[in-house]
Amino acid sequence: MIDVTHITANPIVWASQSIRPVIPQVSIAITSSLLAVFGGAINGWFKLAIKSYHFIVRVFAFVMLVAFGYGALNLALAHLLSQMLITTDDLWLSPIILVVFTGIGLLAEEQRQI
């Protein structure tokens, strides 16, 4: 049962305490969103870097980038972000997460991805 007096006393702290158990999943969501927003730029740079190679090499390199590069980057960044968010005070945790997701949304809008 939810303690209503606790929620009304400090809803920010209550929201942060509710988020704490799922910080690893929130971190993966943040890093995945960032990779989705910047993936086109990364792919464009990668395309320029490997355009002089043979078709088979380019396909293999792209598969490696997508399958392992993005996956490893996502997990590594999510782990670091999770460790930082775990140490964040309850008064700041939920506002930080809200600002980060809003910022990612604004970046996506700026890049015409929404």
PDB file of N, CA and C in Angstrom:
ATOM      1  N   MET A   1       0.836  -1.175   0.000  1.00  0.00           N
ATOM      2  CA  MET A   1       0.000   0.000   0.000  1.00  0.00           C
ATOM      3  C   MET A   1       0.886   1.245   0.000  1.00  0.00           C
ATOM      4  N   ILE A   2       0.474   2.247  -0.731  1.00  0.00           N
ATOM      5  CA  ILE A   2       1.239   3.482  -0.843  1.00  0.00           C
ATOM      6  C   ILE A   2       0.899   4.400   0.322  1.00  0.00           C
ATOM      7  N   ASP A   3       1.936   4.911   0.962  1.00  0.00           N
ATOM      8  CA  ASP A   3       1.764   5.859   2.058  1.00  0.00           C
ATOM      9  C   ASP A   3       1.568   7.250   1.469  1.00  0.00           C
ATOM     10  N   VAL A   4       0.327   7.726   1.462  1.00  0.00           N
ATOM     11  CA  VAL A   4      -0.016   8.992   0.835  1.00  0.00           C
ATOM     12  C   VAL A   4       0.666  10.161   1.532  1.00  0.00           C
ATOM     13  N   THR A   5       0.845  10.102   2.829  1.00  0.00           N
ATOM     14  CA  THR A   5       1.494  11.208   3.531  1.00  0.00           C
ATOM     15  C   THR A   5       2.950  11.340   3.102  1.00  0.00           C
ATOM     16  N   HIS A   6       3.588  10.204   2.790  1.00  0.00           N
ATOM     17  CA  HIS A   6       4.976  10.244   2.331  1.00  0.00           C
ATOM     18  C   HIS A   6       5.067  10.900   0.953  1.00  0.00           C
ATOM     19  N   ILE A   7       4.106  10.585   0.077  1.00  0.00           N
ATOM     20  CA  ILE A   7       4.100  11.156  -1.272  1.00  0.00           C
ATOM     21  C   ILE A   7       3.880  12.659  -1.208  1.00  0.00           C
ATOM     22  N   THR A   8       2.915  13.087  -0.418  1.00  0.00           N
ATOM     23  CA  THR A   8       2.616  14.516  -0.349  1.00  0.00           C
ATOM     24  C   THR A   8       3.692  15.284   0.399  1.00  0.00           C
ATOM     25  N   ALA A   9       4.425  14.614   1.284  1.00  0.00           N
ATOM     26  CA  ALA A   9       5.488  15.297   2.038  1.00  0.00           C
ATOM     27  C   ALA A   9       6.615  15.715   1.096  1.00  0.00           C
ATOM     28  N   ASN A  10       7.052  14.835   0.223  1.00  0.00           N
ATOM     29  CA  ASN A  10       8.084  15.181  -0.746  1.00  0.00           C
ATOM     30  C   ASN A  10       7.942  14.272  -1.970  1.00  0.00           C
ATOM     31  N   PRO A  11       7.168  14.700  -2.955  1.00  0.00           N
ATOM     32  CA  PRO A  11       6.925  13.854  -4.127  1.00  0.00           C
ATOM     33  C   PRO A  11       8.179  13.592  -4.958  1.00  0.00           C
ATOM     34  N   ILE A  12       9.149  14.500  -4.923  1.00  0.00           N
ATOM     35  CA  ILE A  12      10.387  14.286  -5.685  1.00  0.00           C
ATOM     36  C   ILE A  12      11.174  13.121  -5.098  1.00  0.00           C
ATOM     37  N   VAL A  13      11.284  13.098  -3.772  1.00  0.00           N
ATOM     38  CA  VAL A  13      11.991  12.003  -3.105  1.00  0.00           C
ATOM     39  C   VAL A  13      11.255  10.695  -3.335  1.00  0.00           C
ATOM     40  N   TRP A  14       9.911  10.728  -3.257  1.00  0.00           N
ATOM     41  CA  TRP A  14       9.126   9.522  -3.494  1.00  0.00           C
ATOM     42  C   TRP A  14       9.350   9.003  -4.912  1.00  0.00           C
ATOM     43  N   ALA A  15       9.361   9.907  -5.902  1.00  0.00           N
ATOM     44  CA  ALA A  15       9.585   9.495  -7.290  1.00  0.00           C
ATOM     45  C   ALA A  15      10.975   8.899  -7.455  1.00  0.00           C
ATOM     46  N   SER A  16      11.967   9.518  -6.839  1.00  0.00           N
ATOM     47  CA  SER A  16      13.337   9.007  -6.933  1.00  0.00           C
ATOM     48  C   SER A  16      13.458   7.631  -6.299  1.00  0.00           C
ATOM     49  N   GLN A  17      12.831   7.437  -5.157  1.00  0.00           N
ATOM     50  CA  GLN A  17      12.873   6.128  -4.496  1.00  0.00           C
ATOM     51  C   GLN A  17      12.134   5.079  -5.309  1.00  0.00           C
ATOM     52  N   SER A  18      11.129   5.495  -6.054  1.00  0.00           N
ATOM     53  CA  SER A  18      10.411   4.560  -6.925  1.00  0.00           C
ATOM     54  C   SER A  18      11.250   4.175  -8.139  1.00  0.00           C
ATOM     55  N   ILE A  19      12.111   5.080  -8.583  1.00  0.00           N
ATOM     56  CA  ILE A  19      12.959   4.839  -9.753  1.00  0.00           C
ATOM     57  C   ILE A  19      14.174   3.990  -9.405  1.00  0.00           C
ATOM     58  N   ARG A  20      14.652   4.086  -8.171  1.00  0.00           N
ATOM     59  CA  ARG A  20      15.893   3.412  -7.774  1.00  0.00           C
ATOM     60  C   ARG A  20      15.996   1.940  -8.168  1.00  0.00           C
ATOM     61  N   PRO A  21      14.953   1.141  -7.988  1.00  0.00           N
ATOM     62  CA  PRO A  21      15.095  -0.286  -8.342  1.00  0.00           C
ATOM     63  C   PRO A  21      15.307  -0.547  -9.834  1.00  0.00           C
ATOM     64  N   VAL A  22      14.946   0.409 -10.672  1.00  0.00           N
ATOM     65  CA  VAL A  22      15.068   0.203 -12.115  1.00  0.00           C
ATOM     66  C   VAL A  22      16.130   1.099 -12.755  1.00  0.00           C
ATOM     67  N   ILE A  23      17.074   1.587 -11.963  1.00  0.00           N
ATOM     68  CA  ILE A  23      18.143   2.440 -12.497  1.00  0.00           C
ATOM     69  C   ILE A  23      18.913   1.755 -13.635  1.00  0.00           C
ATOM     70  N   PRO A  24      19.247   0.466 -13.548  1.00  0.00           N
ATOM     71  CA  PRO A  24      19.951  -0.146 -14.686  1.00  0.00           C
ATOM     72  C   PRO A  24      19.143  -0.081 -15.986  1.00  0.00           C
ATOM     73  N   GLN A  25      17.846  -0.301 -15.905  1.00  0.00           N
ATOM     74  CA  GLN A  25      16.999  -0.241 -17.092  1.00  0.00           C
ATOM     75  C   GLN A  25      16.864   1.198 -17.601  1.00  0.00           C
ATOM     76  N   VAL A  26      16.776   2.147 -16.696  1.00  0.00           N
ATOM     77  CA  VAL A  26      16.711   3.560 -17.085  1.00  0.00           C
ATOM     78  C   VAL A  26      18.009   3.954 -17.782  1.00  0.00           C
ATOM     79  N   SER A  27      19.133   3.479 -17.276  1.00  0.00           N
ATOM     80  CA  SER A  27      20.425   3.790 -17.895  1.00  0.00           C
ATOM     81  C   SER A  27      20.516   3.227 -19.302  1.00  0.00           C
ATOM     82  N   ILE A  28      20.037   2.021 -19.495  1.00  0.00           N
ATOM     83  CA  ILE A  28      20.031   1.422 -20.839  1.00  0.00           C
ATOM     84  C   ILE A  28      19.099   2.211 -21.757  1.00  0.00           C
ATOM     85  N   ALA A  29      17.962   2.644 -21.236  1.00  0.00           N
ATOM     86  CA  ALA A  29      17.038   3.442 -22.046  1.00  0.00           C
ATOM     87  C   ALA A  29      17.681   4.762 -22.470  1.00  0.00           C
ATOM     88  N   ILE A  30      18.410   5.383 -21.569  1.00  0.00           N
ATOM     89  CA  ILE A  30      19.070   6.651 -21.890  1.00  0.00           C
ATOM     90  C   ILE A  30      20.152   6.441 -22.950  1.00  0.00           C
ATOM     91  N   THR A  31      21.016   5.461 -22.745  1.00  0.00           N
ATOM     92  CA  THR A  31      22.096   5.240 -23.705  1.00  0.00           C
ATOM     93  C   THR A  31      21.560   4.760 -25.053  1.00  0.00           C
ATOM     94  N   SER A  32      20.512   3.946 -25.041  1.00  0.00           N
ATOM     95  CA  SER A  32      19.904   3.503 -26.306  1.00  0.00           C
ATOM     96  C   SER A  32      19.296   4.678 -27.049  1.00  0.00           C
ATOM     97  N   SER A  33      18.658   5.565 -26.318  1.00  0.00           N
ATOM     98  CA  SER A  33      18.073   6.756 -26.942  1.00  0.00           C
ATOM     99  C   SER A  33      19.158   7.639 -27.550  1.00  0.00           C
ATOM    100  N   LEU A  34      20.263   7.813 -26.827  1.00  0.00           N
ATOM    101  CA  LEU A  34      21.368   8.605 -27.370  1.00  0.00           C
ATOM    102  C   LEU A  34      21.954   7.969 -28.627  1.00  0.00           C
ATOM    103  N   LEU A  35      22.090   6.641 -28.616  1.00  0.00           N
ATOM    104  CA  LEU A  35      22.599   5.963 -29.804  1.00  0.00           C
ATOM    105  C   LEU A  35      21.617   6.079 -30.964  1.00  0.00           C
ATOM    106  N   ALA A  36      20.334   6.075 -30.682  1.00  0.00           N
ATOM    107  CA  ALA A  36      19.347   6.253 -31.749  1.00  0.00           C
ATOM    108  C   ALA A  36      19.439   7.649 -32.345  1.00  0.00           C
ATOM    109  N   VAL A  37      19.646   8.647 -31.492  1.00  0.00           N
ATOM    110  CA  VAL A  37      19.739  10.029 -31.971  1.00  0.00           C
ATOM    111  C   VAL A  37      21.031  10.245 -32.759  1.00  0.00           C
ATOM    112  N   PHE A  38      22.134   9.721 -32.280  1.00  0.00           N
ATOM    113  CA  PHE A  38      23.427   9.958 -32.922  1.00  0.00           C
ATOM    114  C   PHE A  38      23.869   8.829 -33.847  1.00  0.00           C
ATOM    115  N   GLY A  39      23.061   7.788 -33.973  1.00  0.00           N
ATOM    116  CA  GLY A  39      23.425   6.644 -34.818  1.00  0.00           C
ATOM    117  C   GLY A  39      23.638   7.011 -36.271  1.00  0.00           C
ATOM    118  N   GLY A  40      22.814   7.919 -36.780  1.00  0.00           N
ATOM    119  CA  GLY A  40      22.976   8.343 -38.172  1.00  0.00           C
ATOM    120  C   GLY A  40      24.316   9.014 -38.409  1.00  0.00           C
ATOM    121  N   ALA A  41      24.723   9.856 -37.475  1.00  0.00           N
ATOM    122  CA  ALA A  41      26.021  10.532 -37.601  1.00  0.00           C
ATOM    123  C   ALA A  41      27.166   9.526 -37.483  1.00  0.00           C
ATOM    124  N   ILE A  42      27.039   8.593 -36.567  1.00  0.00           N
ATOM    125  CA  ILE A  42      28.074   7.562 -36.404  1.00  0.00           C
ATOM    126  C   ILE A  42      28.163   6.719 -37.673  1.00  0.00           C
ATOM    127  N   ASN A  43      27.006   6.321 -38.201  1.00  0.00           N
ATOM    128  CA  ASN A  43      27.000   5.517 -39.435  1.00  0.00           C
ATOM    129  C   ASN A  43      27.587   6.296 -40.604  1.00  0.00           C
ATOM    130  N   GLY A  44      27.288   7.598 -40.681  1.00  0.00           N
ATOM    131  CA  GLY A  44      27.846   8.424 -41.753  1.00  0.00           C
ATOM    132  C   GLY A  44      29.355   8.511 -41.681  1.00  0.00           C
ATOM    133  N   TRP A  45      29.877   8.726 -40.479  1.00  0.00           N
ATOM    134  CA  TRP A  45      31.328   8.765 -40.300  1.00  0.00           C
ATOM    135  C   TRP A  45      31.945   7.416 -40.665  1.00  0.00           C
ATOM    136  N   PHE A  46      31.288   6.342 -40.206  1.00  0.00           N
ATOM    137  CA  PHE A  46      31.789   4.995 -40.461  1.00  0.00           C
ATOM    138  C   PHE A  46      31.778   4.697 -41.964  1.00  0.00           C
ATOM    139  N   LYS A  47      30.731   5.140 -42.636  1.00  0.00           N
ATOM    140  CA  LYS A  47      30.630   4.934 -44.087  1.00  0.00           C
ATOM    141  C   LYS A  47      31.788   5.614 -44.815  1.00  0.00           C
ATOM    142  N   LEU A  48      32.103   6.827 -44.408  1.00  0.00           N
ATOM    143  CA  LEU A  48      33.234   7.535 -45.007  1.00  0.00           C
ATOM    144  C   LEU A  48      34.555   6.824 -44.738  1.00  0.00           C
ATOM    145  N   ALA A  49      34.673   6.266 -43.542  1.00  0.00           N
ATOM    146  CA  ALA A  49      35.930   5.619 -43.150  1.00  0.00           C
ATOM    147  C   ALA A  49      36.177   4.319 -43.916  1.00  0.00           C
ATOM    148  N   ILE A  50      35.112   3.621 -44.337  1.00  0.00           N
ATOM    149  CA  ILE A  50      35.308   2.306 -44.976  1.00  0.00           C
ATOM    150  C   ILE A  50      34.896   2.273 -46.439  1.00  0.00           C
ATOM    151  N   LYS A  51      34.597   3.428 -47.039  1.00  0.00           N
ATOM    152  CA  LYS A  51      34.070   3.437 -48.407  1.00  0.00           C
ATOM    153  C   LYS A  51      35.057   2.918 -49.453  1.00  0.00           C
ATOM    154  N   SER A  52      36.338   2.954 -49.179  1.00  0.00           N
ATOM    155  CA  SER A  52      37.323   2.506 -50.171  1.00  0.00           C
ATOM    156  C   SER A  52      37.570   0.993 -50.128  1.00  0.00           C
ATOM    157  N   TYR A  53      36.979   0.300 -49.184  1.00  0.00           N
ATOM    158  CA  TYR A  53      37.194  -1.140 -49.063  1.00  0.00           C
ATOM    159  C   TYR A  53      36.223  -1.922 -49.951  1.00  0.00           C
ATOM    160  N   HIS A  54      36.526  -3.183 -50.136  1.00  0.00           N
ATOM    161  CA  HIS A  54      35.687  -4.074 -50.923  1.00  0.00           C
ATOM    162  C   HIS A  54      34.315  -4.232 -50.271  1.00  0.00           C
ATOM    163  N   PHE A  55      33.321  -4.530 -51.099  1.00  0.00           N
ATOM    164  CA  PHE A  55      31.938  -4.673 -50.642  1.00  0.00           C
ATOM    165  C   PHE A  55      31.807  -5.630 -49.461  1.00  0.00           C
ATOM    166  N   ILE A  56      32.445  -6.776 -49.537  1.00  0.00           N
ATOM    167  CA  ILE A  56      32.321  -7.784 -48.467  1.00  0.00           C
ATOM    168  C   ILE A  56      32.910  -7.256 -47.163  1.00  0.00           C
ATOM    169  N   VAL A  57      34.019  -6.562 -47.250  1.00  0.00           N
ATOM    170  CA  VAL A  57      34.650  -5.979 -46.058  1.00  0.00           C
ATOM    171  C   VAL A  57      33.726  -4.924 -45.451  1.00  0.00           C
ATOM    172  N   ARG A  58      33.111  -4.083 -46.313  1.00  0.00           N
ATOM    173  CA  ARG A  58      32.199  -3.044 -45.818  1.00  0.00           C
ATOM    174  C   ARG A  58      30.988  -3.651 -45.119  1.00  0.00           C
ATOM    175  N   VAL A  59      30.424  -4.689 -45.704  1.00  0.00           N
ATOM    176  CA  VAL A  59      29.262  -5.342 -45.084  1.00  0.00           C
ATOM    177  C   VAL A  59      29.660  -5.960 -43.748  1.00  0.00           C
ATOM    178  N   PHE A  60      30.775  -6.664 -43.723  1.00  0.00           N
ATOM    179  CA  PHE A  60      31.236  -7.283 -42.483  1.00  0.00           C
ATOM    180  C   PHE A  60      31.520  -6.225 -41.413  1.00  0.00           C
ATOM    181  N   ALA A  61      32.168  -5.143 -41.802  1.00  0.00           N
ATOM    182  CA  ALA A  61      32.478  -4.072 -40.845  1.00  0.00           C
ATOM    183  C   ALA A  61      31.208  -3.436 -40.317  1.00  0.00           C
ATOM    184  N   PHE A  62      30.221  -3.220 -41.173  1.00  0.00           N
ATOM    185  CA  PHE A  62      28.963  -2.634 -40.724  1.00  0.00           C
ATOM    186  C   PHE A  62      28.238  -3.561 -39.743  1.00  0.00           C
ATOM    187  N   VAL A  63      28.220  -4.848 -40.061  1.00  0.00           N
ATOM    188  CA  VAL A  63      27.587  -5.824 -39.157  1.00  0.00           C
ATOM    189  C   VAL A  63      28.304  -5.836 -37.814  1.00  0.00           C
ATOM    190  N   MET A  64      29.615  -5.771 -37.833  1.00  0.00           N
ATOM    191  CA  MET A  64      30.380  -5.739 -36.584  1.00  0.00           C
ATOM    192  C   MET A  64      30.089  -4.463 -35.797  1.00  0.00           C
ATOM    193  N   LEU A  65      30.003  -3.332 -36.493  1.00  0.00           N
ATOM    194  CA  LEU A  65      29.685  -2.074 -35.832  1.00  0.00           C
ATOM    195  C   LEU A  65      28.318  -2.153 -35.160  1.00  0.00           C
ATOM    196  N   VAL A  66      27.326  -2.602 -35.889  1.00  0.00           N
ATOM    197  CA  VAL A  66      25.966  -2.623 -35.364  1.00  0.00           C
ATOM    198  C   VAL A  66      25.806  -3.691 -34.291  1.00  0.00           C
ATOM    199  N   ALA A  67      26.263  -4.901 -34.576  1.00  0.00           N
ATOM    200  CA  ALA A  67      26.039  -6.009 -33.646  1.00  0.00           C
ATOM    201  C   ALA A  67      26.878  -5.910 -32.387  1.00  0.00           C
ATOM    202  N   PHE A  68      28.137  -5.585 -32.553  1.00  0.00           N
ATOM    203  CA  PHE A  68      29.025  -5.604 -31.397  1.00  0.00           C
ATOM    204  C   PHE A  68      29.408  -4.210 -30.920  1.00  0.00           C
ATOM    205  N   GLY A  69      29.675  -3.312 -31.844  1.00  0.00           N
ATOM    206  CA  GLY A  69      30.093  -1.961 -31.455  1.00  0.00           C
ATOM    207  C   GLY A  69      29.016  -1.215 -30.694  1.00  0.00           C
ATOM    208  N   TYR A  70      27.827  -1.129 -31.291  1.00  0.00           N
ATOM    209  CA  TYR A  70      26.735  -0.433 -30.615  1.00  0.00           C
ATOM    210  C   TYR A  70      26.314  -1.160 -29.343  1.00  0.00           C
ATOM    211  N   GLY A  71      26.298  -2.472 -29.390  1.00  0.00           N
ATOM    212  CA  GLY A  71      25.912  -3.244 -28.195  1.00  0.00           C
ATOM    213  C   GLY A  71      26.890  -3.048 -27.052  1.00  0.00           C
ATOM    214  N   ALA A  72      28.179  -3.143 -27.359  1.00  0.00           N
ATOM    215  CA  ALA A  72      29.202  -2.961 -26.324  1.00  0.00           C
ATOM    216  C   ALA A  72      29.201  -1.534 -25.799  1.00  0.00           C
ATOM    217  N   LEU A  73      29.071  -0.570 -26.712  1.00  0.00           N
ATOM    218  CA  LEU A  73      29.022   0.832 -26.296  1.00  0.00           C
ATOM    219  C   LEU A  73      27.808   1.098 -25.414  1.00  0.00           C
ATOM    220  N   ASN A  74      26.666   0.539 -25.804  1.00  0.00           N
ATOM    221  CA  ASN A  74      25.450   0.712 -25.023  1.00  0.00           C
ATOM    222  C   ASN A  74      25.608   0.140 -23.619  1.00  0.00           C
ATOM    223  N   LEU A  75      26.117  -1.062 -23.518  1.00  0.00           N
ATOM    224  CA  LEU A  75      26.278  -1.685 -22.205  1.00  0.00           C
ATOM    225  C   LEU A  75      27.318  -0.974 -21.347  1.00  0.00           C
ATOM    226  N   ALA A  76      28.428  -0.573 -21.948  1.00  0.00           N
ATOM    227  CA  ALA A  76      29.482   0.106 -21.187  1.00  0.00           C
ATOM    228  C   ALA A  76      29.000   1.463 -20.678  1.00  0.00           C
ATOM    229  N   LEU A  77      28.389   2.250 -21.560  1.00  0.00           N
ATOM    230  CA  LEU A  77      27.874   3.559 -21.140  1.00  0.00           C
ATOM    231  C   LEU A  77      26.748   3.424 -20.125  1.00  0.00           C
ATOM    232  N   ALA A  78      25.882   2.431 -20.328  1.00  0.00           N
ATOM    233  CA  ALA A  78      24.780   2.224 -19.385  1.00  0.00           C
ATOM    234  C   ALA A  78      25.307   1.841 -18.006  1.00  0.00           C
ATOM    235  N   HIS A  79      26.349   1.038 -17.973  1.00  0.00           N
ATOM    236  CA  HIS A  79      26.932   0.649 -16.686  1.00  0.00           C
ATOM    237  C   HIS A  79      27.515   1.872 -15.966  1.00  0.00           C
ATOM    238  N   LEU A  80      28.267   2.684 -16.692  1.00  0.00           N
ATOM    239  CA  LEU A  80      28.837   3.898 -16.088  1.00  0.00           C
ATOM    240  C   LEU A  80      27.741   4.851 -15.618  1.00  0.00           C
ATOM    241  N   LEU A  81      26.740   5.051 -16.450  1.00  0.00           N
ATOM    242  CA  LEU A  81      25.636   5.932 -16.088  1.00  0.00           C
ATOM    243  C   LEU A  81      24.882   5.390 -14.879  1.00  0.00           C
ATOM    244  N   SER A  82      24.674   4.104 -14.849  1.00  0.00           N
ATOM    245  CA  SER A  82      23.990   3.474 -13.715  1.00  0.00           C
ATOM    246  C   SER A  82      24.761   3.695 -12.419  1.00  0.00           C
ATOM    247  N   GLN A  83      26.080   3.547 -12.467  1.00  0.00           N
ATOM    248  CA  GLN A  83      26.896   3.771 -11.278  1.00  0.00           C
ATOM    249  C   GLN A  83      26.811   5.222 -10.811  1.00  0.00           C
ATOM    250  N   MET A  84      26.745   6.153 -11.747  1.00  0.00           N
ATOM    251  CA  MET A  84      26.611   7.562 -11.367  1.00  0.00           C
ATOM    252  C   MET A  84      25.228   7.845 -10.782  1.00  0.00           C
ATOM    253  N   LEU A  85      24.189   7.285 -11.392  1.00  0.00           N
ATOM    254  CA  LEU A  85      22.833   7.549 -10.907  1.00  0.00           C
ATOM    255  C   LEU A  85      22.575   6.915  -9.544  1.00  0.00           C
ATOM    256  N   ILE A  86      23.195   5.772  -9.279  1.00  0.00           N
ATOM    257  CA  ILE A  86      23.013   5.107  -7.989  1.00  0.00           C
ATOM    258  C   ILE A  86      23.514   5.986  -6.849  1.00  0.00           C
ATOM    259  N   THR A  87      24.577   6.741  -7.098  1.00  0.00           N
ATOM    260  CA  THR A  87      25.149   7.579  -6.039  1.00  0.00           C
ATOM    261  C   THR A  87      24.460   8.940  -5.915  1.00  0.00           C
ATOM    262  N   THR A  88      23.506   9.210  -6.806  1.00  0.00           N
ATOM    263  CA  THR A  88      22.811  10.502  -6.788  1.00  0.00           C
ATOM    264  C   THR A  88      21.810  10.546  -5.641  1.00  0.00           C
ATOM    265  N   ASP A  89      21.728  11.681  -4.975  1.00  0.00           N
ATOM    266  CA  ASP A  89      20.791  11.883  -3.872  1.00  0.00           C
ATOM    267  C   ASP A  89      19.346  11.812  -4.372  1.00  0.00           C
ATOM    268  N   ASP A  90      18.444  11.342  -3.500  1.00  0.00           N
ATOM    269  CA  ASP A  90      17.040  11.200  -3.870  1.00  0.00           C
ATOM    270  C   ASP A  90      16.393  12.515  -4.286  1.00  0.00           C
ATOM    271  N   LEU A  91      16.861  13.603  -3.763  1.00  0.00           N
ATOM    272  CA  LEU A  91      16.280  14.894  -4.123  1.00  0.00           C
ATOM    273  C   LEU A  91      16.604  15.277  -5.567  1.00  0.00           C
ATOM    274  N   TRP A  92      17.685  14.718  -6.122  1.00  0.00           N
ATOM    275  CA  TRP A  92      18.124  15.079  -7.459  1.00  0.00           C
ATOM    276  C   TRP A  92      17.883  14.005  -8.514  1.00  0.00           C
ATOM    277  N   LEU A  93      17.692  12.765  -8.122  1.00  0.00           N
ATOM    278  CA  LEU A  93      17.628  11.653  -9.075  1.00  0.00           C
ATOM    279  C   LEU A  93      16.514  11.809 -10.101  1.00  0.00           C
ATOM    280  N   SER A  94      15.283  11.946  -9.659  1.00  0.00           N
ATOM    281  CA  SER A  94      14.182  12.030 -10.625  1.00  0.00           C
ATOM    282  C   SER A  94      14.241  13.301 -11.465  1.00  0.00           C
ATOM    283  N   PRO A  95      14.596  14.471 -10.910  1.00  0.00           N
ATOM    284  CA  PRO A  95      14.733  15.634 -11.796  1.00  0.00           C
ATOM    285  C   PRO A  95      15.829  15.464 -12.847  1.00  0.00           C
ATOM    286  N   ILE A  96      16.939  14.834 -12.483  1.00  0.00           N
ATOM    287  CA  ILE A  96      18.025  14.614 -13.442  1.00  0.00           C
ATOM    288  C   ILE A  96      17.545  13.716 -14.576  1.00  0.00           C
ATOM    289  N   ILE A  97      16.860  12.632 -14.236  1.00  0.00           N
ATOM    290  CA  ILE A  97      16.369  11.709 -15.260  1.00  0.00           C
ATOM    291  C   ILE A  97      15.357  12.411 -16.167  1.00  0.00           C
ATOM    292  N   LEU A  98      14.491  13.197 -15.582  1.00  0.00           N
ATOM    293  CA  LEU A  98      13.517  13.948 -16.368  1.00  0.00           C
ATOM    294  C   LEU A  98      14.208  14.917 -17.327  1.00  0.00           C
ATOM    295  N   VAL A  99      15.214  15.636 -16.842  1.00  0.00           N
ATOM    296  CA  VAL A  99      15.943  16.595 -17.685  1.00  0.00           C
ATOM    297  C   VAL A  99      16.718  15.868 -18.789  1.00  0.00           C
ATOM    298  N   VAL A 100      17.319  14.737 -18.469  1.00  0.00           N
ATOM    299  CA  VAL A 100      18.091  13.992 -19.472  1.00  0.00           C
ATOM    300  C   VAL A 100      17.181  13.508 -20.604  1.00  0.00           C
ATOM    301  N   PHE A 101      16.043  12.898 -20.255  1.00  0.00           N
ATOM    302  CA  PHE A 101      15.134  12.424 -21.302  1.00  0.00           C
ATOM    303  C   PHE A 101      14.549  13.585 -22.100  1.00  0.00           C
ATOM    304  N   THR A 102      14.266  14.692 -21.439  1.00  0.00           N
ATOM    305  CA  THR A 102      13.781  15.875 -22.153  1.00  0.00           C
ATOM    306  C   THR A 102      14.854  16.400 -23.104  1.00  0.00           C
ATOM    307  N   GLY A 103      16.094  16.426 -22.636  1.00  0.00           N
ATOM    308  CA  GLY A 103      17.209  16.861 -23.486  1.00  0.00           C
ATOM    309  C   GLY A 103      17.389  15.961 -24.693  1.00  0.00           C
ATOM    310  N   ILE A 104      17.257  14.663 -24.496  1.00  0.00           N
ATOM    311  CA  ILE A 104      17.375  13.730 -25.623  1.00  0.00           C
ATOM    312  C   ILE A 104      16.233  13.969 -26.613  1.00  0.00           C
ATOM    313  N   GLY A 105      15.045  14.212 -26.098  1.00  0.00           N
ATOM    314  CA  GLY A 105      13.917  14.523 -26.976  1.00  0.00           C
ATOM    315  C   GLY A 105      14.139  15.795 -27.762  1.00  0.00           C
ATOM    316  N   LEU A 106      14.691  16.814 -27.110  1.00  0.00           N
ATOM    317  CA  LEU A 106      14.990  18.069 -27.802  1.00  0.00           C
ATOM    318  C   LEU A 106      16.071  17.872 -28.867  1.00  0.00           C
ATOM    319  N   LEU A 107      17.083  17.056 -28.563  1.00  0.00           N
ATOM    320  CA  LEU A 107      18.108  16.739 -29.562  1.00  0.00           C
ATOM    321  C   LEU A 107      17.505  16.030 -30.770  1.00  0.00           C
ATOM    322  N   ALA A 108      16.617  15.090 -30.501  1.00  0.00           N
ATOM    323  CA  ALA A 108      15.961  14.367 -31.592  1.00  0.00           C
ATOM    324  C   ALA A 108      15.118  15.312 -32.431  1.00  0.00           C
ATOM    325  N   GLU A 109      14.422  16.223 -31.788  1.00  0.00           N
ATOM    326  CA  GLU A 109      13.614  17.210 -32.511  1.00  0.00           C
ATOM    327  C   GLU A 109      14.505  18.125 -33.342  1.00  0.00           C
ATOM    328  N   GLU A 110      15.609  18.544 -32.779  1.00  0.00           N
ATOM    329  CA  GLU A 110      16.538  19.427 -33.488  1.00  0.00           C
ATOM    330  C   GLU A 110      17.119  18.749 -34.725  1.00  0.00           C
ATOM    331  N   GLN A 111      17.317  17.452 -34.635  1.00  0.00           N
ATOM    332  CA  GLN A 111      17.877  16.713 -35.766  1.00  0.00           C
ATOM    333  C   GLN A 111      16.789  16.152 -36.683  1.00  0.00           C
ATOM    334  N   ARG A 112      15.568  16.599 -36.471  1.00  0.00           N
ATOM    335  CA  ARG A 112      14.418  16.205 -37.303  1.00  0.00           C
ATOM    336  C   ARG A 112      14.156  14.703 -37.274  1.00  0.00           C
ATOM    337  N   GLN A 113      14.346  14.076 -36.121  1.00  0.00           N
ATOM    338  CA  GLN A 113      14.102  12.648 -35.990  1.00  0.00           C
ATOM    339  C   GLN A 113      12.730  12.362 -35.386  1.00  0.00           C
ATOM    340  N   ILE A 114      12.041  13.406 -34.993  1.00  0.00           N
ATOM    341  CA  ILE A 114      10.679  13.234 -34.452  1.00  0.00           C
ATOM    342  C   ILE A 114       9.702  13.810 -35.442  1.00  0.00           C
TER     343      ILE A 114
END
